PDB file of N, CA and C in Angstrom:
ATOM      1  N   UNK A   1      43.518  -7.742 140.937  1.00  0.00           N
ATOM      2  CA  UNK A   1      43.774  -8.466 139.903  1.00  0.00           C
ATOM      3  C   UNK A   1      42.689  -9.813 140.151  1.00  0.00           C
ATOM      4  N   UNK A   2      42.235 -10.358 139.060  1.00  0.00           N
ATOM      5  CA  UNK A   2      41.193 -11.418 138.985  1.00  0.00           C
ATOM      6  C   UNK A   2      41.726 -12.794 138.594  1.00  0.00           C
ATOM      7  N   UNK A   3      41.418 -13.726 139.310  1.00  0.00           N
ATOM      8  CA  UNK A   3      41.681 -15.206 138.888  1.00  0.00           C
ATOM      9  C   UNK A   3      40.310 -15.670 138.179  1.00  0.00           C
ATOM     10  N   UNK A   4      40.241 -15.959 137.091  1.00  0.00           N
ATOM     11  CA  UNK A   4      39.115 -16.157 136.251  1.00  0.00           C
ATOM     12  C   UNK A   4      39.175 -17.728 136.001  1.00  0.00           C
ATOM     13  N   UNK A   5      38.122 -18.354 135.970  1.00  0.00           N
ATOM     14  CA  UNK A   5      37.911 -19.801 135.704  1.00  0.00           C
ATOM     15  C   UNK A   5      36.865 -19.993 134.491  1.00  0.00           C
ATOM     16  N   UNK A   6      37.211 -19.963 133.374  1.00  0.00           N
ATOM     17  CA  UNK A   6      36.185 -20.350 132.437  1.00  0.00           C
ATOM     18  C   UNK A   6      35.717 -21.611 132.168  1.00  0.00           C
ATOM     19  N   UNK A   7      36.586 -22.738 132.911  1.00  0.00           N
ATOM     20  CA  UNK A   7      36.434 -23.890 132.780  1.00  0.00           C
ATOM     21  C   UNK A   7      35.118 -24.649 133.408  1.00  0.00           C
ATOM     22  N   UNK A   8      34.607 -25.904 133.130  1.00  0.00           N
ATOM     23  CA  UNK A   8      33.474 -26.296 133.730  1.00  0.00           C
ATOM     24  C   UNK A   8      33.545 -27.093 134.850  1.00  0.00           C
ATOM     25  N   UNK A   9      34.754 -27.165 135.739  1.00  0.00           N
ATOM     26  CA  UNK A   9      34.936 -27.483 136.812  1.00  0.00           C
ATOM     27  C   UNK A   9      35.572 -26.584 137.825  1.00  0.00           C
ATOM     28  N   UNK A  10      35.446 -26.565 139.120  1.00  0.00           N
ATOM     29  CA  UNK A  10      36.140 -25.940 139.975  1.00  0.00           C
ATOM     30  C   UNK A  10      37.829 -25.837 139.663  1.00  0.00           C
ATOM     31  N   UNK A  11      38.489 -24.642 140.150  1.00  0.00           N
ATOM     32  CA  UNK A  11      39.762 -24.602 139.829  1.00  0.00           C
ATOM     33  C   UNK A  11      40.384 -24.490 141.230  1.00  0.00           C
ATOM     34  N   UNK A  12      41.086 -25.594 141.811  1.00  0.00           N
ATOM     35  CA  UNK A  12      41.593 -25.867 143.098  1.00  0.00           C
ATOM     36  C   UNK A  12      43.003 -25.590 143.003  1.00  0.00           C
ATOM     37  N   UNK A  13      43.731 -25.329 144.042  1.00  0.00           N
ATOM     38  CA  UNK A  13      45.197 -25.359 144.084  1.00  0.00           C
ATOM     39  C   UNK A  13      45.869 -24.296 143.249  1.00  0.00           C
ATOM     40  N   UNK A  14      45.220 -23.148 142.896  1.00  0.00           N
ATOM     41  CA  UNK A  14      45.982 -22.271 141.984  1.00  0.00           C
ATOM     42  C   UNK A  14      47.076 -21.255 142.759  1.00  0.00           C
ATOM     43  N   UNK A  15      47.946 -20.952 141.983  1.00  0.00           N
ATOM     44  CA  UNK A  15      48.950 -20.141 142.418  1.00  0.00           C
ATOM     45  C   UNK A  15      49.203 -18.843 141.286  1.00  0.00           C
ATOM     46  N   UNK A  16      49.158 -17.839 142.035  1.00  0.00           N
ATOM     47  CA  UNK A  16      49.460 -16.517 141.127  1.00  0.00           C
ATOM     48  C   UNK A  16      50.931 -16.033 141.658  1.00  0.00           C
ATOM     49  N   UNK A  17      51.901 -15.734 140.910  1.00  0.00           N
ATOM     50  CA  UNK A  17      53.186 -15.317 141.347  1.00  0.00           C
ATOM     51  C   UNK A  17      53.208 -14.006 140.833  1.00  0.00           C
ATOM     52  N   UNK A  18      53.521 -12.745 141.450  1.00  0.00           N
ATOM     53  CA  UNK A  18      53.667 -11.435 140.905  1.00  0.00           C
ATOM     54  C   UNK A  18      55.017 -10.964 141.160  1.00  0.00           C
ATOM     55  N   UNK A  19      55.860 -10.233 140.094  1.00  0.00           N
ATOM     56  CA  UNK A  19      57.073  -9.773 140.502  1.00  0.00           C
ATOM     57  C   UNK A  19      57.063  -8.476 140.327  1.00  0.00           C
ATOM     58  N   UNK A  20      57.332  -7.793 141.510  1.00  0.00           N
ATOM     59  CA  UNK A  20      57.313  -6.660 142.081  1.00  0.00           C
ATOM     60  C   UNK A  20      58.595  -5.880 141.626  1.00  0.00           C
ATOM     61  N   UNK A  21      58.732  -4.628 141.442  1.00  0.00           N
ATOM     62  CA  UNK A  21      59.993  -3.681 141.098  1.00  0.00           C
ATOM     63  C   UNK A  21      60.804  -4.140 142.501  1.00  0.00           C
ATOM     64  N   UNK A  22      62.130  -3.952 142.261  1.00  0.00           N
ATOM     65  CA  UNK A  22      63.066  -4.068 143.375  1.00  0.00           C
ATOM     66  C   UNK A  22      62.720  -2.903 144.362  1.00  0.00           C
ATOM     67  N   UNK A  23      62.971  -3.360 145.551  1.00  0.00           N
ATOM     68  CA  UNK A  23      62.596  -2.564 146.812  1.00  0.00           C
ATOM     69  C   UNK A  23      61.133  -2.281 147.144  1.00  0.00           C
ATOM     70  N   UNK A  24      60.263  -3.025 146.248  1.00  0.00           N
ATOM     71  CA  UNK A  24      58.933  -2.661 146.563  1.00  0.00           C
ATOM     72  C   UNK A  24      58.266  -4.050 147.606  1.00  0.00           C
ATOM     73  N   UNK A  25      57.184  -3.748 148.248  1.00  0.00           N
ATOM     74  CA  UNK A  25      56.549  -4.754 148.878  1.00  0.00           C
ATOM     75  C   UNK A  25      55.097  -4.629 148.895  1.00  0.00           C
ATOM     76  N   UNK A  26      54.462  -5.934 148.918  1.00  0.00           N
ATOM     77  CA  UNK A  26      53.002  -5.842 148.941  1.00  0.00           C
ATOM     78  C   UNK A  26      52.521  -5.577 150.195  1.00  0.00           C
ATOM     79  N   UNK A  27      51.325  -5.060 150.354  1.00  0.00           N
ATOM     80  CA  UNK A  27      50.532  -4.846 151.795  1.00  0.00           C
ATOM     81  C   UNK A  27      49.127  -4.660 151.607  1.00  0.00           C
ATOM     82  N   UNK A  28      48.340  -5.002 152.508  1.00  0.00           N
ATOM     83  CA  UNK A  28      46.922  -4.761 152.530  1.00  0.00           C
ATOM     84  C   UNK A  28      46.339  -5.752 151.500  1.00  0.00           C
ATOM     85  N   UNK A  29      46.850  -7.215 151.703  1.00  0.00           N
ATOM     86  CA  UNK A  29      46.308  -8.230 150.560  1.00  0.00           C
ATOM     87  C   UNK A  29      44.774  -8.852 151.338  1.00  0.00           C
ATOM     88  N   UNK A  30      43.916  -8.718 150.227  1.00  0.00           N
ATOM     89  CA  UNK A  30      42.601  -9.388 150.489  1.00  0.00           C
ATOM     90  C   UNK A  30      42.247 -10.242 149.398  1.00  0.00           C
ATOM     91  N   UNK A  31      41.532 -11.457 149.549  1.00  0.00           N
ATOM     92  CA  UNK A  31      40.942 -12.363 148.686  1.00  0.00           C
ATOM     93  C   UNK A  31      41.910 -13.497 148.351  1.00  0.00           C
ATOM     94  N   UNK A  32      43.277 -13.461 149.028  1.00  0.00           N
ATOM     95  CA  UNK A  32      44.095 -14.778 148.845  1.00  0.00           C
ATOM     96  C   UNK A  32      45.202 -14.747 150.203  1.00  0.00           C
ATOM     97  N   UNK A  33      45.610 -15.941 150.350  1.00  0.00           N
ATOM     98  CA  UNK A  33      46.885 -15.911 151.216  1.00  0.00           C
ATOM     99  C   UNK A  33      47.969 -15.528 150.482  1.00  0.00           C
ATOM    100  N   UNK A  34      49.006 -14.994 151.228  1.00  0.00           N
ATOM    101  CA  UNK A  34      50.173 -14.459 150.334  1.00  0.00           C
ATOM    102  C   UNK A  34      51.545 -14.793 151.038  1.00  0.00           C
ATOM    103  N   UNK A  35      52.642 -14.599 150.430  1.00  0.00           N
ATOM    104  CA  UNK A  35      53.926 -14.660 151.100  1.00  0.00           C
ATOM    105  C   UNK A  35      54.768 -13.768 149.966  1.00  0.00           C
ATOM    106  N   UNK A  36      55.722 -13.082 150.520  1.00  0.00           N
ATOM    107  CA  UNK A  36      56.693 -12.341 149.644  1.00  0.00           C
ATOM    108  C   UNK A  36      58.236 -12.959 150.086  1.00  0.00           C
ATOM    109  N   UNK A  37      58.999 -13.112 148.822  1.00  0.00           N
ATOM    110  CA  UNK A  37      60.326 -13.636 148.981  1.00  0.00           C
ATOM    111  C   UNK A  37      61.077 -12.674 148.138  1.00  0.00           C
ATOM    112  N   UNK A  38      61.581 -11.554 148.247  1.00  0.00           N
ATOM    113  CA  UNK A  38      62.492 -10.734 147.582  1.00  0.00           C
ATOM    114  C   UNK A  38      61.388 -10.014 146.514  1.00  0.00           C
ATOM    115  N   UNK A  39      61.481 -10.016 145.529  1.00  0.00           N
ATOM    116  CA  UNK A  39      60.513  -9.390 144.379  1.00  0.00           C
ATOM    117  C   UNK A  39      59.143 -10.210 143.981  1.00  0.00           C
ATOM    118  N   UNK A  40      59.345 -11.470 144.682  1.00  0.00           N
ATOM    119  CA  UNK A  40      58.258 -12.220 144.122  1.00  0.00           C
ATOM    120  C   UNK A  40      57.172 -12.376 145.243  1.00  0.00           C
ATOM    121  N   UNK A  41      55.767 -12.045 144.932  1.00  0.00           N
ATOM    122  CA  UNK A  41      54.868 -12.505 145.787  1.00  0.00           C
ATOM    123  C   UNK A  41      53.847 -13.378 145.237  1.00  0.00           C
ATOM    124  N   UNK A  42      53.786 -14.653 146.155  1.00  0.00           N
ATOM    125  CA  UNK A  42      53.058 -15.731 145.918  1.00  0.00           C
ATOM    126  C   UNK A  42      51.454 -15.655 146.442  1.00  0.00           C
ATOM    127  N   UNK A  43      50.419 -15.572 145.709  1.00  0.00           N
ATOM    128  CA  UNK A  43      49.244 -15.566 146.059  1.00  0.00           C
ATOM    129  C   UNK A  43      48.616 -17.185 146.094  1.00  0.00           C
ATOM    130  N   UNK A  44      47.804 -17.558 147.070  1.00  0.00           N
ATOM    131  CA  UNK A  44      47.012 -18.868 146.766  1.00  0.00           C
ATOM    132  C   UNK A  44      45.709 -18.499 147.508  1.00  0.00           C
ATOM    133  N   UNK A  45      44.624 -19.102 147.005  1.00  0.00           N
ATOM    134  CA  UNK A  45      43.432 -18.964 147.650  1.00  0.00           C
ATOM    135  C   UNK A  45      42.452 -20.076 147.601  1.00  0.00           C
ATOM    136  N   UNK A  46      41.160 -19.717 147.830  1.00  0.00           N
ATOM    137  CA  UNK A  46      40.080 -20.771 147.821  1.00  0.00           C
ATOM    138  C   UNK A  46      39.833 -21.323 146.332  1.00  0.00           C
ATOM    139  N   UNK A  47      39.105 -22.273 146.353  1.00  0.00           N
ATOM    140  CA  UNK A  47      38.709 -22.909 144.881  1.00  0.00           C
ATOM    141  C   UNK A  47      37.780 -21.817 144.370  1.00  0.00           C
ATOM    142  N   UNK A  48      38.093 -21.777 143.041  1.00  0.00           N
ATOM    143  CA  UNK A  48      37.253 -20.794 142.177  1.00  0.00           C
ATOM    144  C   UNK A  48      36.243 -21.537 141.294  1.00  0.00           C
ATOM    145  N   UNK A  49      35.017 -21.481 141.627  1.00  0.00           N
ATOM    146  CA  UNK A  49      33.826 -22.293 140.824  1.00  0.00           C
ATOM    147  C   UNK A  49      33.920 -22.042 139.572  1.00  0.00           C
ATOM    148  N   UNK A  50      33.497 -23.188 138.827  1.00  0.00           N
ATOM    149  CA  UNK A  50      33.323 -23.166 137.381  1.00  0.00           C
ATOM    150  C   UNK A  50      32.617 -21.847 136.999  1.00  0.00           C
ATOM    151  N   UNK A  51      33.239 -21.246 135.850  1.00  0.00           N
ATOM    152  CA  UNK A  51      32.646 -19.936 135.284  1.00  0.00           C
ATOM    153  C   UNK A  51      32.788 -18.735 136.400  1.00  0.00           C
ATOM    154  N   UNK A  52      33.494 -18.973 137.455  1.00  0.00           N
ATOM    155  CA  UNK A  52      33.566 -17.782 138.424  1.00  0.00           C
ATOM    156  C   UNK A  52      34.845 -17.195 138.453  1.00  0.00           C
ATOM    157  N   UNK A  53      35.025 -16.173 139.337  1.00  0.00           N
ATOM    158  CA  UNK A  53      36.251 -15.408 139.576  1.00  0.00           C
ATOM    159  C   UNK A  53      36.496 -15.074 141.013  1.00  0.00           C
ATOM    160  N   UNK A  54      37.729 -14.834 141.379  1.00  0.00           N
ATOM    161  CA  UNK A  54      38.212 -14.522 142.745  1.00  0.00           C
ATOM    162  C   UNK A  54      39.110 -13.382 142.628  1.00  0.00           C
ATOM    163  N   UNK A  55      38.710 -12.224 143.185  1.00  0.00           N
ATOM    164  CA  UNK A  55      39.236 -11.188 143.124  1.00  0.00           C
ATOM    165  C   UNK A  55      40.548 -11.097 144.070  1.00  0.00           C
ATOM    166  N   UNK A  56      41.478 -10.321 143.846  1.00  0.00           N
ATOM    167  CA  UNK A  56      42.732 -10.373 144.719  1.00  0.00           C
ATOM    168  C   UNK A  56      42.989  -8.903 144.859  1.00  0.00           C
ATOM    169  N   UNK A  57      43.122  -8.081 145.859  1.00  0.00           N
ATOM    170  CA  UNK A  57      43.624  -6.723 145.982  1.00  0.00           C
ATOM    171  C   UNK A  57      44.518  -6.676 146.840  1.00  0.00           C
ATOM    172  N   UNK A  58      45.626  -5.707 146.436  1.00  0.00           N
ATOM    173  CA  UNK A  58      46.840  -5.363 147.233  1.00  0.00           C
ATOM    174  C   UNK A  58      47.485  -4.370 146.826  1.00  0.00           C
ATOM    175  N   UNK A  59      48.046  -3.636 147.840  1.00  0.00           N
ATOM    176  CA  UNK A  59      48.866  -2.358 147.460  1.00  0.00           C
ATOM    177  C   UNK A  59      50.293  -2.740 147.412  1.00  0.00           C
ATOM    178  N   UNK A  60      50.947  -1.985 146.547  1.00  0.00           N
ATOM    179  CA  UNK A  60      52.483  -2.211 146.328  1.00  0.00           C
ATOM    180  C   UNK A  60      53.199  -0.940 147.133  1.00  0.00           C
ATOM    181  N   UNK A  61      54.059  -1.190 147.716  1.00  0.00           N
ATOM    182  CA  UNK A  61      54.523  -0.063 148.691  1.00  0.00           C
ATOM    183  C   UNK A  61      55.941   0.046 147.986  1.00  0.00           C
ATOM    184  N   UNK A  62      56.296   1.173 147.828  1.00  0.00           N
ATOM    185  CA  UNK A  62      57.751   1.453 147.187  1.00  0.00           C
ATOM    186  C   UNK A  62      58.021   3.037 147.329  1.00  0.00           C
ATOM    187  N   UNK A  63      59.366   3.259 147.483  1.00  0.00           N
ATOM    188  CA  UNK A  63      59.770   4.707 147.469  1.00  0.00           C
ATOM    189  C   UNK A  63      59.337   5.531 146.221  1.00  0.00           C
ATOM    190  N   UNK A  64      59.372   4.731 145.205  1.00  0.00           N
ATOM    191  CA  UNK A  64      59.233   5.393 143.783  1.00  0.00           C
ATOM    192  C   UNK A  64      57.954   4.961 143.182  1.00  0.00           C
ATOM    193  N   UNK A  65      57.020   5.920 143.459  1.00  0.00           N
ATOM    194  CA  UNK A  65      55.737   5.614 142.615  1.00  0.00           C
ATOM    195  C   UNK A  65      55.604   5.257 141.316  1.00  0.00           C
ATOM    196  N   UNK A  66      56.562   5.830 140.464  1.00  0.00           N
ATOM    197  CA  UNK A  66      56.784   5.683 138.945  1.00  0.00           C
ATOM    198  C   UNK A  66      56.646   4.201 138.785  1.00  0.00           C
ATOM    199  N   UNK A  67      57.675   3.304 139.419  1.00  0.00           N
ATOM    200  CA  UNK A  67      58.002   1.976 139.299  1.00  0.00           C
ATOM    201  C   UNK A  67      56.901   1.128 140.105  1.00  0.00           C
ATOM    202  N   UNK A  68      55.668   1.494 140.287  1.00  0.00           N
ATOM    203  CA  UNK A  68      54.987   0.758 141.283  1.00  0.00           C
ATOM    204  C   UNK A  68      54.128  -0.430 140.517  1.00  0.00           C
ATOM    205  N   UNK A  69      54.074  -0.550 139.194  1.00  0.00           N
ATOM    206  CA  UNK A  69      53.364  -1.649 138.487  1.00  0.00           C
ATOM    207  C   UNK A  69      54.249  -2.818 138.399  1.00  0.00           C
ATOM    208  N   UNK A  70      53.501  -3.967 138.566  1.00  0.00           N
ATOM    209  CA  UNK A  70      54.299  -5.146 138.774  1.00  0.00           C
ATOM    210  C   UNK A  70      55.197  -5.575 137.467  1.00  0.00           C
ATOM    211  N   UNK A  71      56.145  -6.173 137.474  1.00  0.00           N
ATOM    212  CA  UNK A  71      57.079  -6.347 136.153  1.00  0.00           C
ATOM    213  C   UNK A  71      56.795  -7.582 135.655  1.00  0.00           C
ATOM    214  N   UNK A  72      55.992  -8.642 136.295  1.00  0.00           N
ATOM    215  CA  UNK A  72      55.618  -9.917 135.679  1.00  0.00           C
ATOM    216  C   UNK A  72      54.668 -10.465 136.409  1.00  0.00           C
ATOM    217  N   UNK A  73      53.834 -11.646 135.986  1.00  0.00           N
ATOM    218  CA  UNK A  73      52.895 -12.245 136.689  1.00  0.00           C
ATOM    219  C   UNK A  73      52.538 -13.683 135.885  1.00  0.00           C
ATOM    220  N   UNK A  74      52.369 -14.644 136.901  1.00  0.00           N
ATOM    221  CA  UNK A  74      52.138 -16.095 136.222  1.00  0.00           C
ATOM    222  C   UNK A  74      50.945 -16.620 137.005  1.00  0.00           C
ATOM    223  N   UNK A  75      50.161 -17.176 136.384  1.00  0.00           N
ATOM    224  CA  UNK A  75      49.095 -18.147 137.040  1.00  0.00           C
ATOM    225  C   UNK A  75      49.505 -19.537 136.671  1.00  0.00           C
ATOM    226  N   UNK A  76      49.783 -20.367 137.740  1.00  0.00           N
ATOM    227  CA  UNK A  76      50.049 -21.767 137.528  1.00  0.00           C
ATOM    228  C   UNK A  76      51.261 -21.765 136.407  1.00  0.00           C
ATOM    229  N   UNK A  77      52.202 -20.866 136.698  1.00  0.00           N
ATOM    230  CA  UNK A  77      53.438 -21.154 135.935  1.00  0.00           C
ATOM    231  C   UNK A  77      53.123 -20.562 134.489  1.00  0.00           C
ATOM    232  N   UNK A  78      51.932 -20.239 133.939  1.00  0.00           N
ATOM    233  CA  UNK A  78      51.708 -19.628 132.630  1.00  0.00           C
ATOM    234  C   UNK A  78      51.485 -18.107 132.893  1.00  0.00           C
ATOM    235  N   UNK A  79      51.948 -17.483 131.784  1.00  0.00           N
ATOM    236  CA  UNK A  79      51.707 -15.860 131.995  1.00  0.00           C
ATOM    237  C   UNK A  79      50.139 -15.441 132.049  1.00  0.00           C
ATOM    238  N   UNK A  80      50.187 -14.392 132.898  1.00  0.00           N
ATOM    239  CA  UNK A  80      48.892 -13.708 133.268  1.00  0.00           C
ATOM    240  C   UNK A  80      48.401 -13.044 131.862  1.00  0.00           C
ATOM    241  N   UNK A  81      47.197 -12.824 131.711  1.00  0.00           N
ATOM    242  CA  UNK A  81      46.570 -12.097 130.660  1.00  0.00           C
ATOM    243  C   UNK A  81      46.345 -10.745 131.261  1.00  0.00           C
ATOM    244  N   UNK A  82      46.558  -9.668 130.604  1.00  0.00           N
ATOM    245  CA  UNK A  82      46.177  -8.004 130.805  1.00  0.00           C
ATOM    246  C   UNK A  82      46.961  -7.435 131.770  1.00  0.00           C
ATOM    247  N   UNK A  83      48.211  -7.845 131.809  1.00  0.00           N
ATOM    248  CA  UNK A  83      49.275  -7.159 132.781  1.00  0.00           C
ATOM    249  C   UNK A  83      49.733  -6.144 132.219  1.00  0.00           C
TER     250      UNK A  83
END
């Protein structure tokens, strides 16, 4: 996933929340700090420069690989684009 900042000032204090399928967990996260509470995984990270991006990589661990895709995503409480 990529946090994109098309604005003219650095984006600080951003939060991405991803909803995973029931029974899934996030693992091997890079590019952000994270915590998981049930199906919700919350990512936070460094400021994103004006016009810049921050990549977040993570694996979803689940017993059923068909339901591996996230069920929802928000950035600062607004829907993510491209989910």
